[in-house]
PDB file of all heavy atoms in Angstrom:
ATOM      1  N   GLN A   1       5.907  -8.217  -8.596  1.00  0.00           N
ATOM      2  CA  GLN A   1       6.175  -7.459  -7.376  1.00  0.00           C
ATOM      3  C   GLN A   1       4.930  -7.438  -6.509  1.00  0.00           C
ATOM      4  O   GLN A   1       3.810  -7.347  -7.017  1.00  0.00           O
ATOM      5  CB  GLN A   1       6.560  -6.016  -7.710  1.00  0.00           C
ATOM      6  CG  GLN A   1       7.860  -5.891  -8.462  1.00  0.00           C
ATOM      7  CD  GLN A   1       9.041  -6.271  -7.591  1.00  0.00           C
ATOM      8  OE1 GLN A   1       9.114  -5.910  -6.426  1.00  0.00           O
ATOM      9  NE2 GLN A   1       9.962  -7.025  -8.157  1.00  0.00           N
ATOM     10  N   ALA A   2       5.129  -7.478  -5.205  1.00  0.00           N
ATOM     11  CA  ALA A   2       4.027  -7.314  -4.252  1.00  0.00           C
ATOM     12  C   ALA A   2       4.085  -5.894  -3.725  1.00  0.00           C
ATOM     13  O   ALA A   2       5.118  -5.427  -3.240  1.00  0.00           O
ATOM     14  CB  ALA A   2       4.164  -8.317  -3.107  1.00  0.00           C
ATOM     15  N   LEU A   3       2.986  -5.182  -3.844  1.00  0.00           N
ATOM     16  CA  LEU A   3       2.896  -3.801  -3.388  1.00  0.00           C
ATOM     17  C   LEU A   3       1.787  -3.692  -2.352  1.00  0.00           C
ATOM     18  O   LEU A   3       0.792  -4.412  -2.425  1.00  0.00           O
ATOM     19  CB  LEU A   3       2.577  -2.872  -4.567  1.00  0.00           C
ATOM     20  CG  LEU A   3       3.484  -2.994  -5.783  1.00  0.00           C
ATOM     21  CD1 LEU A   3       2.932  -2.159  -6.936  1.00  0.00           C
ATOM     22  CD2 LEU A   3       4.882  -2.519  -5.433  1.00  0.00           C
ATOM     23  N   VAL A   4       1.980  -2.796  -1.407  1.00  0.00           N
ATOM     24  CA  VAL A   4       0.933  -2.571  -0.399  1.00  0.00           C
ATOM     25  C   VAL A   4       0.422  -1.141  -0.502  1.00  0.00           C
ATOM     26  O   VAL A   4       1.153  -0.236  -0.895  1.00  0.00           O
ATOM     27  CB  VAL A   4       1.418  -2.874   1.044  1.00  0.00           C
ATOM     28  CG1 VAL A   4       1.774  -4.330   1.201  1.00  0.00           C
ATOM     29  CG2 VAL A   4       2.573  -1.993   1.440  1.00  0.00           C
ATOM     30  N   ILE A   5      -0.836  -0.971  -0.159  1.00  0.00           N
ATOM     31  CA  ILE A   5      -1.449   0.346  -0.150  1.00  0.00           C
ATOM     32  C   ILE A   5      -1.187   0.978   1.210  1.00  0.00           C
ATOM     33  O   ILE A   5      -1.441   0.363   2.252  1.00  0.00           O
ATOM     34  CB  ILE A   5      -2.955   0.240  -0.437  1.00  0.00           C
ATOM     35  CG1 ILE A   5      -3.156  -0.348  -1.842  1.00  0.00           C
ATOM     36  CG2 ILE A   5      -3.636   1.586  -0.298  1.00  0.00           C
ATOM     37  CD1 ILE A   5      -4.590  -0.729  -2.138  1.00  0.00           C
ATOM     38  N   LEU A   6      -0.665   2.208   1.177  1.00  0.00           N
ATOM     39  CA  LEU A   6      -0.383   2.944   2.411  1.00  0.00           C
ATOM     40  C   LEU A   6      -1.443   4.026   2.619  1.00  0.00           C
ATOM     41  O   LEU A   6      -1.973   4.583   1.647  1.00  0.00           O
ATOM     42  CB  LEU A   6       0.986   3.618   2.337  1.00  0.00           C
ATOM     43  CG  LEU A   6       2.190   2.710   2.204  1.00  0.00           C
ATOM     44  CD1 LEU A   6       3.464   3.551   2.049  1.00  0.00           C
ATOM     45  CD2 LEU A   6       2.312   1.788   3.395  1.00  0.00           C
ATOM     46  N   ARG A   7      -1.702   4.317   3.880  1.00  0.00           N
ATOM     47  CA  ARG A   7      -2.631   5.391   4.196  1.00  0.00           C
ATOM     48  C   ARG A   7      -1.975   6.275   5.248  1.00  0.00           C
ATOM     49  O   ARG A   7      -1.449   5.785   6.243  1.00  0.00           O
ATOM     50  CB  ARG A   7      -3.944   4.837   4.721  1.00  0.00           C
ATOM     51  CG  ARG A   7      -4.927   5.944   5.038  1.00  0.00           C
ATOM     52  CD  ARG A   7      -6.287   5.416   5.302  1.00  0.00           C
ATOM     53  NE  ARG A   7      -7.140   6.559   5.627  1.00  0.00           N
ATOM     54  CZ  ARG A   7      -8.375   6.460   6.033  1.00  0.00           C
ATOM     55  NH1 ARG A   7      -8.937   5.283   6.142  1.00  0.00           N
ATOM     56  NH2 ARG A   7      -9.069   7.540   6.317  1.00  0.00           N
ATOM     57  N   LEU A   8      -2.025   7.594   5.011  1.00  0.00           N
ATOM     58  CA  LEU A   8      -1.471   8.559   5.935  1.00  0.00           C
ATOM     59  C   LEU A   8      -2.588   9.143   6.787  1.00  0.00           C
ATOM     60  O   LEU A   8      -3.586   9.624   6.256  1.00  0.00           O
ATOM     61  CB  LEU A   8      -0.762   9.691   5.164  1.00  0.00           C
ATOM     62  CG  LEU A   8      -0.218  10.850   5.988  1.00  0.00           C
ATOM     63  CD1 LEU A   8       0.909  10.373   6.887  1.00  0.00           C
ATOM     64  CD2 LEU A   8       0.240  11.955   5.082  1.00  0.00           C
ATOM     65  N   TYR A   9      -2.425   9.064   8.092  1.00  0.00           N
ATOM     66  CA  TYR A   9      -3.411   9.614   9.031  1.00  0.00           C
ATOM     67  C   TYR A   9      -2.850  10.897   9.642  1.00  0.00           C
ATOM     68  O   TYR A   9      -1.697  10.942  10.040  1.00  0.00           O
ATOM     69  CB  TYR A   9      -3.701   8.624  10.164  1.00  0.00           C
ATOM     70  CG  TYR A   9      -4.479   7.417   9.714  1.00  0.00           C
ATOM     71  CD1 TYR A   9      -3.839   6.287   9.251  1.00  0.00           C
ATOM     72  CD2 TYR A   9      -5.866   7.414   9.769  1.00  0.00           C
ATOM     73  CE1 TYR A   9      -4.551   5.173   8.858  1.00  0.00           C
ATOM     74  CE2 TYR A   9      -6.587   6.292   9.381  1.00  0.00           C
ATOM     75  CZ  TYR A   9      -5.923   5.191   8.924  1.00  0.00           C
ATOM     76  OH  TYR A   9      -6.646   4.097   8.523  1.00  0.00           O
ATOM     77  N   ASP A  10      -3.673  11.925   9.697  1.00  0.00           N
ATOM     78  CA  ASP A  10      -3.322  13.186  10.325  1.00  0.00           C
ATOM     79  C   ASP A  10      -4.045  13.235  11.669  1.00  0.00           C
ATOM     80  O   ASP A  10      -5.263  13.334  11.725  1.00  0.00           O
ATOM     81  CB  ASP A  10      -3.768  14.355   9.438  1.00  0.00           C
ATOM     82  CG  ASP A  10      -3.420  15.714  10.024  1.00  0.00           C
ATOM     83  OD1 ASP A  10      -2.919  15.777  11.162  1.00  0.00           O
ATOM     84  OD2 ASP A  10      -3.695  16.713   9.343  1.00  0.00           O
ATOM     85  N   ASN A  11      -3.266  13.126  12.727  1.00  0.00           N
ATOM     86  CA  ASN A  11      -3.821  13.061  14.073  1.00  0.00           C
ATOM     87  C   ASN A  11      -3.627  14.415  14.779  1.00  0.00           C
ATOM     88  O   ASN A  11      -3.253  14.466  15.939  1.00  0.00           O
ATOM     89  CB  ASN A  11      -3.137  11.931  14.833  1.00  0.00           C
ATOM     90  CG  ASN A  11      -3.930  11.471  16.020  1.00  0.00           C
ATOM     91  OD1 ASN A  11      -5.080  11.815  16.173  1.00  0.00           O
ATOM     92  ND2 ASN A  11      -3.302  10.676  16.871  1.00  0.00           N
ATOM     93  N   GLY A  12      -3.828  15.510  14.073  1.00  0.00           N
ATOM     94  CA  GLY A  12      -3.614  16.826  14.648  1.00  0.00           C
ATOM     95  C   GLY A  12      -2.148  17.210  14.607  1.00  0.00           C
ATOM     96  O   GLY A  12      -1.663  17.728  13.627  1.00  0.00           O
ATOM     97  N   GLU A  13      -1.438  16.931  15.693  1.00  0.00           N
ATOM     98  CA  GLU A  13      -0.015  17.263  15.772  1.00  0.00           C
ATOM     99  C   GLU A  13       0.876  16.159  15.209  1.00  0.00           C
ATOM    100  O   GLU A  13       2.032  16.380  14.919  1.00  0.00           O
ATOM    101  CB  GLU A  13       0.365  17.520  17.229  1.00  0.00           C
ATOM    102  CG  GLU A  13      -0.338  18.718  17.832  1.00  0.00           C
ATOM    103  CD  GLU A  13       0.032  18.903  19.280  1.00  0.00           C
ATOM    104  OE1 GLU A  13       0.983  18.251  19.751  1.00  0.00           O
ATOM    105  OE2 GLU A  13      -0.648  19.695  19.942  1.00  0.00           O
ATOM    106  N   ASN A  14       0.344  14.956  15.074  1.00  0.00           N
ATOM    107  CA  ASN A  14       1.131  13.807  14.646  1.00  0.00           C
ATOM    108  C   ASN A  14       0.587  13.224  13.347  1.00  0.00           C
ATOM    109  O   ASN A  14      -0.598  13.385  13.043  1.00  0.00           O
ATOM    110  CB  ASN A  14       1.125  12.700  15.708  1.00  0.00           C
ATOM    111  CG  ASN A  14       1.686  13.174  17.023  1.00  0.00           C
ATOM    112  OD1 ASN A  14       2.541  14.032  17.052  1.00  0.00           O
ATOM    113  ND2 ASN A  14       1.183  12.627  18.109  1.00  0.00           N
ATOM    114  N   TYR A  15       1.465  12.556  12.635  1.00  0.00           N
ATOM    115  CA  TYR A  15       1.084  11.804  11.445  1.00  0.00           C
ATOM    116  C   TYR A  15       1.541  10.358  11.647  1.00  0.00           C
ATOM    117  O   TYR A  15       2.540  10.106  12.304  1.00  0.00           O
ATOM    118  CB  TYR A  15       1.771  12.340  10.195  1.00  0.00           C
ATOM    119  CG  TYR A  15       1.386  13.752   9.837  1.00  0.00           C
ATOM    120  CD1 TYR A  15       2.158  14.831  10.246  1.00  0.00           C
ATOM    121  CD2 TYR A  15       0.260  14.003   9.086  1.00  0.00           C
ATOM    122  CE1 TYR A  15       1.813  16.126   9.918  1.00  0.00           C
ATOM    123  CE2 TYR A  15      -0.104  15.287   8.742  1.00  0.00           C
ATOM    124  CZ  TYR A  15       0.680  16.342   9.168  1.00  0.00           C
ATOM    125  OH  TYR A  15       0.317  17.612   8.840  1.00  0.00           O
ATOM    126  N   TYR A  16       0.800   9.429  11.075  1.00  0.00           N
ATOM    127  CA  TYR A  16       1.274   8.050  11.070  1.00  0.00           C
ATOM    128  C   TYR A  16       0.741   7.341   9.830  1.00  0.00           C
ATOM    129  O   TYR A  16      -0.249   7.744   9.243  1.00  0.00           O
ATOM    130  CB  TYR A  16       0.928   7.312  12.361  1.00  0.00           C
ATOM    131  CG  TYR A  16      -0.540   7.057  12.610  1.00  0.00           C
ATOM    132  CD1 TYR A  16      -1.127   5.859  12.227  1.00  0.00           C
ATOM    133  CD2 TYR A  16      -1.336   8.004  13.238  1.00  0.00           C
ATOM    134  CE1 TYR A  16      -2.471   5.609  12.461  1.00  0.00           C
ATOM    135  CE2 TYR A  16      -2.677   7.776  13.475  1.00  0.00           C
ATOM    136  CZ  TYR A  16      -3.241   6.575  13.089  1.00  0.00           C
ATOM    137  OH  TYR A  16      -4.557   6.343  13.319  1.00  0.00           O
ATOM    138  N   LEU A  17       1.473   6.304   9.424  1.00  0.00           N
ATOM    139  CA  LEU A  17       1.130   5.512   8.236  1.00  0.00           C
ATOM    140  C   LEU A  17       0.662   4.127   8.650  1.00  0.00           C
ATOM    141  O   LEU A  17       1.140   3.568   9.626  1.00  0.00           O
ATOM    142  CB  LEU A  17       2.364   5.316   7.355  1.00  0.00           C
ATOM    143  CG  LEU A  17       2.835   6.471   6.503  1.00  0.00           C
ATOM    144  CD1 LEU A  17       4.164   6.102   5.849  1.00  0.00           C
ATOM    145  CD2 LEU A  17       1.816   6.815   5.452  1.00  0.00           C
ATOM    146  N   THR A  18      -0.272   3.614   7.864  1.00  0.00           N
ATOM    147  CA  THR A  18      -0.638   2.206   7.994  1.00  0.00           C
ATOM    148  C   THR A  18      -0.513   1.562   6.618  1.00  0.00           C
ATOM    149  O   THR A  18      -0.647   2.226   5.588  1.00  0.00           O
ATOM    150  CB  THR A  18      -2.069   1.999   8.529  1.00  0.00           C
ATOM    151  OG1 THR A  18      -3.007   2.558   7.621  1.00  0.00           O
ATOM    152  CG2 THR A  18      -2.239   2.597   9.904  1.00  0.00           C
ATOM    153  N   ALA A  19      -0.253   0.274   6.621  1.00  0.00           N
ATOM    154  CA  ALA A  19      -0.131  -0.498   5.385  1.00  0.00           C
ATOM    155  C   ALA A  19      -1.185  -1.598   5.389  1.00  0.00           C
ATOM    156  O   ALA A  19      -1.432  -2.226   6.407  1.00  0.00           O
ATOM    157  CB  ALA A  19       1.259  -1.117   5.270  1.00  0.00           C
ATOM    158  N   ASN A  20      -1.805  -1.812   4.227  1.00  0.00           N
ATOM    159  CA  ASN A  20      -2.777  -2.890   4.086  1.00  0.00           C
ATOM    160  C   ASN A  20      -2.023  -4.163   3.695  1.00  0.00           C
ATOM    161  O   ASN A  20      -1.783  -4.413   2.518  1.00  0.00           O
ATOM    162  CB  ASN A  20      -3.819  -2.524   3.031  1.00  0.00           C
ATOM    163  CG  ASN A  20      -4.877  -3.581   2.859  1.00  0.00           C
ATOM    164  OD1 ASN A  20      -4.757  -4.680   3.395  1.00  0.00           O
ATOM    165  ND2 ASN A  20      -5.903  -3.278   2.124  1.00  0.00           N
ATOM    166  N   LEU A  21      -1.633  -4.926   4.705  1.00  0.00           N
ATOM    167  CA  LEU A  21      -0.937  -6.191   4.452  1.00  0.00           C
ATOM    168  C   LEU A  21      -1.913  -7.329   4.174  1.00  0.00           C
ATOM    169  O   LEU A  21      -1.512  -8.376   3.684  1.00  0.00           O
ATOM    170  CB  LEU A  21      -0.039  -6.556   5.638  1.00  0.00           C
ATOM    171  CG  LEU A  21       1.057  -5.553   5.987  1.00  0.00           C
ATOM    172  CD1 LEU A  21       1.866  -6.061   7.178  1.00  0.00           C
ATOM    173  CD2 LEU A  21       1.946  -5.258   4.803  1.00  0.00           C
ATOM    174  N   LYS A  22      -3.167  -7.142   4.500  1.00  0.00           N
ATOM    175  CA  LYS A  22      -4.191  -8.165   4.313  1.00  0.00           C
ATOM    176  C   LYS A  22      -4.499  -8.371   2.825  1.00  0.00           C
ATOM    177  O   LYS A  22      -4.817  -9.487   2.392  1.00  0.00           O
ATOM    178  CB  LYS A  22      -5.466  -7.755   5.059  1.00  0.00           C
ATOM    179  CG  LYS A  22      -6.582  -8.740   5.022  1.00  0.00           C
ATOM    180  CD  LYS A  22      -6.351  -9.821   6.041  1.00  0.00           C
ATOM    181  CE  LYS A  22      -7.587 -10.679   6.193  1.00  0.00           C
ATOM    182  NZ  LYS A  22      -7.307 -11.845   7.004  1.00  0.00           N
ATOM    183  N   ALA A  23      -4.419  -7.293   2.038  1.00  0.00           N
ATOM    184  CA  ALA A  23      -4.799  -7.371   0.618  1.00  0.00           C
ATOM    185  C   ALA A  23      -3.789  -6.628  -0.265  1.00  0.00           C
ATOM    186  O   ALA A  23      -4.090  -5.540  -0.787  1.00  0.00           O
ATOM    187  CB  ALA A  23      -6.209  -6.821   0.422  1.00  0.00           C
ATOM    188  N   PRO A  24      -2.579  -7.175  -0.420  1.00  0.00           N
ATOM    189  CA  PRO A  24      -1.573  -6.505  -1.257  1.00  0.00           C
ATOM    190  C   PRO A  24      -1.915  -6.649  -2.748  1.00  0.00           C
ATOM    191  O   PRO A  24      -2.733  -7.485  -3.145  1.00  0.00           O
ATOM    192  CB  PRO A  24      -0.287  -7.267  -0.933  1.00  0.00           C
ATOM    193  CG  PRO A  24      -0.753  -8.618  -0.549  1.00  0.00           C
ATOM    194  CD  PRO A  24      -2.071  -8.425   0.147  1.00  0.00           C
ATOM    195  N   LEU A  25      -1.249  -5.824  -3.532  1.00  0.00           N
ATOM    196  CA  LEU A  25      -1.370  -5.893  -5.000  1.00  0.00           C
ATOM    197  C   LEU A  25      -0.197  -6.701  -5.533  1.00  0.00           C
ATOM    198  O   LEU A  25       0.948  -6.495  -5.111  1.00  0.00           O
ATOM    199  CB  LEU A  25      -1.336  -4.484  -5.591  1.00  0.00           C
ATOM    200  CG  LEU A  25      -2.383  -3.516  -5.070  1.00  0.00           C
ATOM    201  CD1 LEU A  25      -2.097  -2.112  -5.588  1.00  0.00           C
ATOM    202  CD2 LEU A  25      -3.759  -3.951  -5.455  1.00  0.00           C
ATOM    203  N   PHE A  26      -0.459  -7.583  -6.454  1.00  0.00           N
ATOM    204  CA  PHE A  26       0.585  -8.347  -7.144  1.00  0.00           C
ATOM    205  C   PHE A  26       0.560  -7.914  -8.599  1.00  0.00           C
ATOM    206  O   PHE A  26      -0.438  -8.121  -9.293  1.00  0.00           O
ATOM    207  CB  PHE A  26       0.348  -9.851  -7.005  1.00  0.00           C
ATOM    208  CG  PHE A  26       0.616 -10.365  -5.630  1.00  0.00           C
ATOM    209  CD1 PHE A  26      -0.376 -10.396  -4.672  1.00  0.00           C
ATOM    210  CD2 PHE A  26       1.885 -10.795  -5.288  1.00  0.00           C
ATOM    211  CE1 PHE A  26      -0.129 -10.857  -3.387  1.00  0.00           C
ATOM    212  CE2 PHE A  26       2.157 -11.270  -4.003  1.00  0.00           C
ATOM    213  CZ  PHE A  26       1.144 -11.286  -3.053  1.00  0.00           C
ATOM    214  N   ILE A  27       1.677  -7.319  -9.058  1.00  0.00           N
ATOM    215  CA  ILE A  27       1.772  -6.791 -10.413  1.00  0.00           C
ATOM    216  C   ILE A  27       2.880  -7.532 -11.152  1.00  0.00           C
ATOM    217  O   ILE A  27       4.039  -7.535 -10.717  1.00  0.00           O
ATOM    218  CB  ILE A  27       2.096  -5.280 -10.406  1.00  0.00           C
ATOM    219  CG1 ILE A  27       1.154  -4.504  -9.487  1.00  0.00           C
ATOM    220  CG2 ILE A  27       2.118  -4.722 -11.821  1.00  0.00           C
ATOM    221  CD1 ILE A  27      -0.263  -4.439  -9.942  1.00  0.00           C
ATOM    222  N   ASP A  28       2.543  -8.145 -12.278  1.00  0.00           N
ATOM    223  CA  ASP A  28       3.520  -8.811 -13.138  1.00  0.00           C
ATOM    224  C   ASP A  28       3.920  -7.817 -14.222  1.00  0.00           C
ATOM    225  O   ASP A  28       3.106  -7.489 -15.088  1.00  0.00           O
ATOM    226  CB  ASP A  28       2.932 -10.083 -13.740  1.00  0.00           C
ATOM    227  CG  ASP A  28       3.959 -10.900 -14.495  1.00  0.00           C
ATOM    228  OD1 ASP A  28       4.895 -10.313 -15.082  1.00  0.00           O
ATOM    229  OD2 ASP A  28       3.828 -12.131 -14.521  1.00  0.00           O
ATOM    230  N   SER A  29       5.147  -7.337 -14.169  1.00  0.00           N
ATOM    231  CA  SER A  29       5.600  -6.331 -15.125  1.00  0.00           C
ATOM    232  C   SER A  29       5.776  -6.881 -16.540  1.00  0.00           C
ATOM    233  O   SER A  29       5.687  -6.120 -17.513  1.00  0.00           O
ATOM    234  CB  SER A  29       6.909  -5.696 -14.655  1.00  0.00           C
ATOM    235  OG  SER A  29       7.907  -6.681 -14.528  1.00  0.00           O
ATOM    236  N   ALA A  30       6.007  -8.172 -16.689  1.00  0.00           N
ATOM    237  CA  ALA A  30       6.181  -8.752 -18.029  1.00  0.00           C
ATOM    238  C   ALA A  30       4.852  -8.854 -18.779  1.00  0.00           C
ATOM    239  O   ALA A  30       4.780  -8.535 -19.965  1.00  0.00           O
ATOM    240  CB  ALA A  30       6.830 -10.122 -17.922  1.00  0.00           C
ATOM    241  N   THR A  31       3.816  -9.276 -18.085  1.00  0.00           N
ATOM    242  CA  THR A  31       2.521  -9.450 -18.747  1.00  0.00           C
ATOM    243  C   THR A  31       1.587  -8.266 -18.534  1.00  0.00           C
ATOM    244  O   THR A  31       0.523  -8.195 -19.140  1.00  0.00           O
ATOM    245  CB  THR A  31       1.801 -10.711 -18.214  1.00  0.00           C
ATOM    246  OG1 THR A  31       1.575 -10.556 -16.812  1.00  0.00           O
ATOM    247  CG2 THR A  31       2.621 -11.958 -18.483  1.00  0.00           C
ATOM    248  N   ARG A  32       2.019  -7.332 -17.649  1.00  0.00           N
ATOM    249  CA  ARG A  32       1.222  -6.149 -17.310  1.00  0.00           C
ATOM    250  C   ARG A  32      -0.152  -6.526 -16.749  1.00  0.00           C
ATOM    251  O   ARG A  32      -1.160  -5.925 -17.040  1.00  0.00           O
ATOM    252  CB  ARG A  32       1.108  -5.226 -18.515  1.00  0.00           C
ATOM    253  CG  ARG A  32       2.475  -4.752 -18.974  1.00  0.00           C
ATOM    254  CD  ARG A  32       2.400  -3.931 -20.191  1.00  0.00           C
ATOM    255  NE  ARG A  32       1.678  -2.702 -19.891  1.00  0.00           N
ATOM    256  CZ  ARG A  32       1.658  -1.660 -20.649  1.00  0.00           C
ATOM    257  NH1 ARG A  32       2.300  -1.664 -21.784  1.00  0.00           N
ATOM    258  NH2 ARG A  32       0.964  -0.589 -20.318  1.00  0.00           N
ATOM    259  N   VAL A  33      -0.131  -7.551 -15.906  1.00  0.00           N
ATOM    260  CA  VAL A  33      -1.351  -8.034 -15.251  1.00  0.00           C
ATOM    261  C   VAL A  33      -1.163  -7.838 -13.742  1.00  0.00           C
ATOM    262  O   VAL A  33      -0.081  -8.034 -13.209  1.00  0.00           O
ATOM    263  CB  VAL A  33      -1.584  -9.529 -15.559  1.00  0.00           C
ATOM    264  CG1 VAL A  33      -2.698 -10.107 -14.723  1.00  0.00           C
ATOM    265  CG2 VAL A  33      -1.874  -9.719 -17.032  1.00  0.00           C
ATOM    266  N   GLY A  34      -2.227  -7.438 -13.085  1.00  0.00           N
ATOM    267  CA  GLY A  34      -2.169  -7.248 -11.653  1.00  0.00           C
ATOM    268  C   GLY A  34      -3.429  -7.726 -10.968  1.00  0.00           C
ATOM    269  O   GLY A  34      -4.512  -7.733 -11.568  1.00  0.00           O
TER     270      GLY A  34
END
């Protein structure tokens, strides 16, 4: 599976999310290697 790291920003009255698409995590569930 390819997973991305999300970050939540608090901009006072607003919130927004960003995703790190540049450096995703690849996790193999069968071998438990990532």
